[in-house]
Protein backbone atom coordinates (compact mmCIF):
# COMPACT_ATOMS: atom_id res chain seq x y z
CA UNK A 1 3.59 0.39 10.39
CA UNK A 2 2.62 -0.75 7.12
CA UNK A 3 4.10 2.40 5.55
CA UNK A 4 7.32 1.33 6.80
CA UNK A 5 7.02 -2.00 6.02
CA UNK A 6 6.34 -1.26 1.95
CA UNK A 7 9.08 0.80 2.13
CA UNK A 8 11.65 -1.70 3.44
CA UNK A 9 10.43 -4.31 0.78
CA UNK A 10 10.64 -2.07 -1.88
CA UNK A 11 14.25 -1.01 -0.48
CA UNK A 12 15.16 -4.80 -0.39
CA UNK A 13 14.23 -5.35 -3.80
CA UNK A 14 16.36 -2.39 -4.83
CA UNK A 15 19.57 -4.07 -3.35
CA UNK A 16 18.92 -7.29 -4.76
CA UNK A 17 21.36 -7.06 -7.93
CA UNK A 18 24.07 -5.88 -5.98
CA UNK A 19 23.85 -9.02 -3.61
CA UNK A 20 24.03 -11.11 -6.58
CA UNK A 21 26.58 -9.19 -9.08
CA UNK A 22 28.87 -6.98 -7.14
CA UNK A 23 29.33 -9.04 -4.25
CA UNK A 24 33.13 -8.88 -5.09
CA UNK A 25 33.60 -4.86 -5.36
CA UNK A 26 30.55 -3.45 -3.33
CA UNK A 27 29.37 -3.42 0.43
CA UNK A 28 26.44 -3.42 1.76
CA UNK A 29 23.88 -4.03 4.54
CA UNK A 30 21.05 -3.00 6.44
CA UNK A 31 20.29 0.19 8.82
CA UNK A 32 17.83 -0.02 11.88
CA UNK A 33 17.87 2.68 14.19
CA UNK A 34 15.80 5.63 15.82
CA UNK A 35 16.28 9.55 15.31
CA UNK A 36 15.76 12.24 17.86
CA UNK A 37 14.34 15.43 15.94
CA UNK A 38 13.47 18.78 16.11
CA UNK A 39 12.23 21.40 13.99
CA UNK A 40 14.45 25.15 14.32
CA UNK A 41 11.47 28.05 13.98
CA UNK A 42 8.77 26.47 15.36
CA UNK A 43 9.45 28.09 18.47
CA UNK A 44 10.47 24.99 20.36
CA UNK A 45 13.73 23.48 21.46
CA UNK A 46 14.53 20.07 22.53
CA UNK A 47 14.96 16.92 20.57
CA UNK A 48 12.00 15.91 21.95
CA UNK A 49 10.47 13.99 18.93
CA UNK A 50 11.36 9.91 18.37
CA UNK A 51 10.93 8.37 15.17
CA UNK A 52 12.19 4.66 13.56
CA UNK A 53 15.19 5.02 11.37
CA UNK A 54 15.64 1.95 8.86
CA UNK A 55 17.06 1.30 5.16
CA UNK A 56 19.54 -0.14 3.06
CA UNK A 57 23.32 0.99 2.09
CA UNK A 58 25.83 0.41 -0.77
CA UNK A 59 29.46 1.49 0.06
CA UNK A 60 32.39 0.99 -2.68
CA UNK A 61 36.02 1.38 -1.12
CA UNK A 62 38.39 3.72 -3.26
CA UNK A 63 41.68 2.78 -1.33
CA UNK A 64 42.01 1.79 2.33
CA UNK A 65 41.22 5.21 3.30
CA UNK A 66 38.25 6.39 1.32
CA UNK A 67 34.88 5.04 0.38
CA UNK A 68 31.49 6.19 -1.35
CA UNK A 69 28.23 5.34 -1.20
CA UNK A 70 24.75 6.01 -0.74
CA UNK A 71 21.72 5.02 1.77
CA UNK A 72 18.23 4.30 0.72
CA UNK A 73 15.90 4.89 4.12
CA UNK A 74 12.75 5.57 5.68
CA UNK A 75 13.26 8.58 8.19
CA UNK A 76 10.61 9.97 10.74
CA UNK A 77 11.39 13.49 11.47
CA UNK A 78 9.48 16.11 13.32
CA UNK A 79 9.11 18.21 16.50
CA UNK A 80 6.70 17.63 19.66
CA UNK A 81 5.71 20.24 22.63
CA UNK A 82 6.82 18.91 26.04
CA UNK A 83 4.60 19.82 28.59
CA UNK A 84 5.91 20.58 32.46
CA UNK A 85 3.68 19.96 35.86
CA UNK A 86 2.91 22.75 37.71
CA UNK A 87 1.41 21.75 41.48
CA UNK A 88 -0.28 18.78 39.44
CA UNK A 89 -1.22 20.64 36.75
CA UNK A 90 0.26 20.06 33.30
CA UNK A 91 1.65 23.21 31.51
CA UNK A 92 2.49 23.66 27.83
CA UNK A 93 5.96 24.87 26.51
CA UNK A 94 6.26 27.11 24.07
CA UNK A 95 5.86 26.16 20.31
CA UNK A 96 3.81 26.35 17.30
CA UNK A 97 1.82 23.20 17.70
CA UNK A 98 1.56 20.32 19.71
CA UNK A 99 3.22 17.21 17.77
CA UNK A 100 4.46 17.63 13.58
CA UNK A 101 5.43 13.77 12.91
CA UNK A 102 6.75 13.22 9.07
CA UNK A 103 8.01 10.47 7.28
CA UNK A 104 10.60 10.93 4.63
CA UNK A 105 12.15 8.46 1.94
CA UNK A 106 15.74 9.64 2.13
CA UNK A 107 18.56 9.05 0.26
CA UNK A 108 22.24 10.23 1.94
CA UNK A 109 25.06 10.52 -0.53
CA UNK A 110 27.99 9.95 1.60
CA UNK A 111 32.18 10.30 1.58
CA UNK A 112 33.55 8.17 4.27
CA UNK A 113 37.01 8.66 5.88
CA UNK A 114 38.29 5.14 7.63
CA UNK A 115 40.82 5.70 10.40
CA UNK A 116 41.67 2.47 10.99
CA UNK A 117 39.62 -1.05 10.57
CA UNK A 118 36.95 -0.08 13.44
CA UNK A 119 36.53 3.89 13.11
CA UNK A 120 35.61 5.48 10.14
CA UNK A 121 33.64 8.88 9.90
CA UNK A 122 31.15 10.18 7.18
CA UNK A 123 29.75 12.86 5.43
CA UNK A 124 27.70 14.35 2.46
CA UNK A 125 24.12 15.62 1.43
CA UNK A 126 20.78 13.55 1.67
CA UNK A 127 17.45 14.30 -0.40
CA UNK A 128 14.48 13.51 0.97
CA UNK A 129 10.75 13.09 -0.48
CA UNK A 130 8.29 13.36 1.83
CA UNK A 131 5.70 10.55 2.30
CA UNK A 132 3.70 11.82 4.64
CA UNK A 133 2.68 14.37 7.69
CA UNK A 134 0.39 14.29 10.83
CA UNK A 135 0.17 17.52 12.51
CA UNK A 136 -1.97 18.01 15.91
CA UNK A 137 -2.13 21.52 16.02
CA UNK A 138 -3.10 22.48 19.71
CA UNK A 139 -2.69 25.33 21.35
CA UNK A 140 -0.22 27.14 19.33
CA UNK A 141 -1.91 27.47 15.41
CA UNK A 142 -4.75 29.35 14.48
CA UNK A 143 -7.95 28.52 13.34
CA UNK A 144 -7.78 24.83 14.67
CA UNK A 145 -7.12 24.06 18.33
CA UNK A 146 -7.24 20.78 17.82
CA UNK A 147 -7.46 17.34 16.15
CA UNK A 148 -5.45 15.37 13.56
CA UNK A 149 -4.74 17.08 10.51
CA UNK A 150 -2.38 16.68 7.47
CA UNK A 151 0.29 19.83 7.21
CA UNK A 152 -0.19 21.47 4.50
CA UNK A 153 2.44 23.40 5.11
CA UNK A 154 5.33 21.81 4.30
CA UNK A 155 7.66 20.92 0.75
CA UNK A 156 7.06 17.53 -0.43
CA UNK A 157 11.17 17.34 0.19
CA UNK A 158 14.21 18.25 2.15
CA UNK A 159 17.71 18.57 1.79
CA UNK A 160 19.89 18.27 4.41
CA UNK A 161 23.67 17.72 5.32
CA UNK A 162 24.64 14.80 7.48
CA UNK A 163 27.55 13.88 9.20
CA UNK A 164 28.29 10.78 11.36
CA UNK A 165 30.89 8.53 12.94
CA UNK A 166 30.75 4.95 12.82
CA UNK A 167 32.39 1.96 14.96
CA UNK A 168 32.93 -1.86 13.66
CA UNK A 169 32.83 -4.11 16.47
CA UNK A 170 32.46 -7.29 14.91
CA UNK A 171 32.67 -8.78 11.25
CA UNK A 172 28.68 -8.37 10.48
CA UNK A 173 27.91 -5.39 13.00
CA UNK A 174 28.48 -1.67 13.45
CA UNK A 175 27.04 0.88 15.28
CA UNK A 176 26.75 4.26 13.79
CA UNK A 177 25.76 7.65 15.89
CA UNK A 178 24.79 10.50 12.89
CA UNK A 179 23.64 14.34 12.68
CA UNK A 180 21.59 15.80 9.89
CA UNK A 181 20.35 19.54 9.48
CA UNK A 182 18.28 20.90 6.59
CA UNK A 183 19.93 23.23 4.34
CA UNK A 184 16.63 24.85 3.03
CA UNK A 185 13.45 25.59 4.75
CA UNK A 186 11.03 22.48 4.90
CA UNK A 187 8.40 25.15 5.17
CA UNK A 188 6.02 26.89 2.36
CA UNK A 189 4.43 30.50 1.63
CA UNK A 190 0.97 29.38 3.60
CA UNK A 191 2.98 28.84 6.71
CA UNK A 192 2.80 32.54 7.00
CA UNK A 193 -1.01 32.61 7.29
CA UNK A 194 -1.28 29.18 9.32
CA UNK A 195 0.83 30.06 12.19
CA UNK A 196 1.08 33.51 13.67
CA UNK A 197 4.36 33.03 16.48
CA UNK A 198 6.85 31.19 14.72
CA UNK A 199 10.03 33.17 12.89
CA UNK A 200 8.97 32.00 9.62
CA UNK A 201 11.74 34.65 7.81
CA UNK A 202 14.12 32.55 9.17
CA UNK A 203 12.99 29.31 7.82
CA UNK A 204 11.95 25.81 9.40
CA UNK A 205 14.71 23.40 9.22
CA UNK A 206 14.68 19.55 10.38
CA UNK A 207 17.55 18.88 12.85
CA UNK A 208 18.15 14.95 13.37
CA UNK A 209 20.28 13.38 15.81
CA UNK A 210 20.34 9.44 15.04
CA UNK A 211 21.91 6.00 16.51
CA UNK A 212 21.67 3.06 14.68
CA UNK A 213 23.23 -0.37 14.12
CA UNK A 214 24.45 -1.94 10.76
CA UNK A 215 24.49 -4.96 9.64
CA UNK A 216 27.20 -5.93 7.08
CA UNK A 217 25.87 -8.76 4.38
CA UNK A 218 29.70 -9.64 3.91
CA UNK A 219 31.99 -10.17 7.05
CA UNK A 220 34.29 -7.30 7.67
CA UNK A 221 38.24 -8.30 8.35
CA UNK A 222 38.80 -6.57 11.62
CA UNK A 223 42.21 -7.89 12.35
CA UNK A 224 44.82 -5.48 13.24
């Protein structure tokens, strides 16, 4: 939580010039939400890993239909093994680890199309810097059958594509849902010797579904 607080403080300080200088042209606000994530290539399926999403956005309208902007977010990704109870005994499903938690400082760059004053869609690339990783190897890994460790088989960055839809339901509030998928593998070469049961040739990619509430610093005109 300390890392999240410090990250949001930095994002807030970054946003301050926009709130004082460009208030007449730019839109800006705060994003708070939750992620459901998985990693393609880890021999697991399902958005079983929950995580926090929070940050700021800045948006500039080009005309009534199109706008563009970016966000600076702290976002948690990763994947988690599921367990099923069989006759009272917890049985682990397939997977390369028990739990992998990743925290990124991410900058999505969006183009937005506004159908009307309430609905909009957005899409674009996102560039993430890995801030930390927490790895619980468990039954799926070689040489380390338990405990917590730093995941040293990952790249320190992520490049992804993100798209979503937003509903503006009040002058200062919107709800948004988005999907994100890595464009390159987040794994490095050492992953080959670390885990034996993952299709490394296909790479590892973050896949995330997010839901968030957006607070706009300036009121939106939602009439008509």
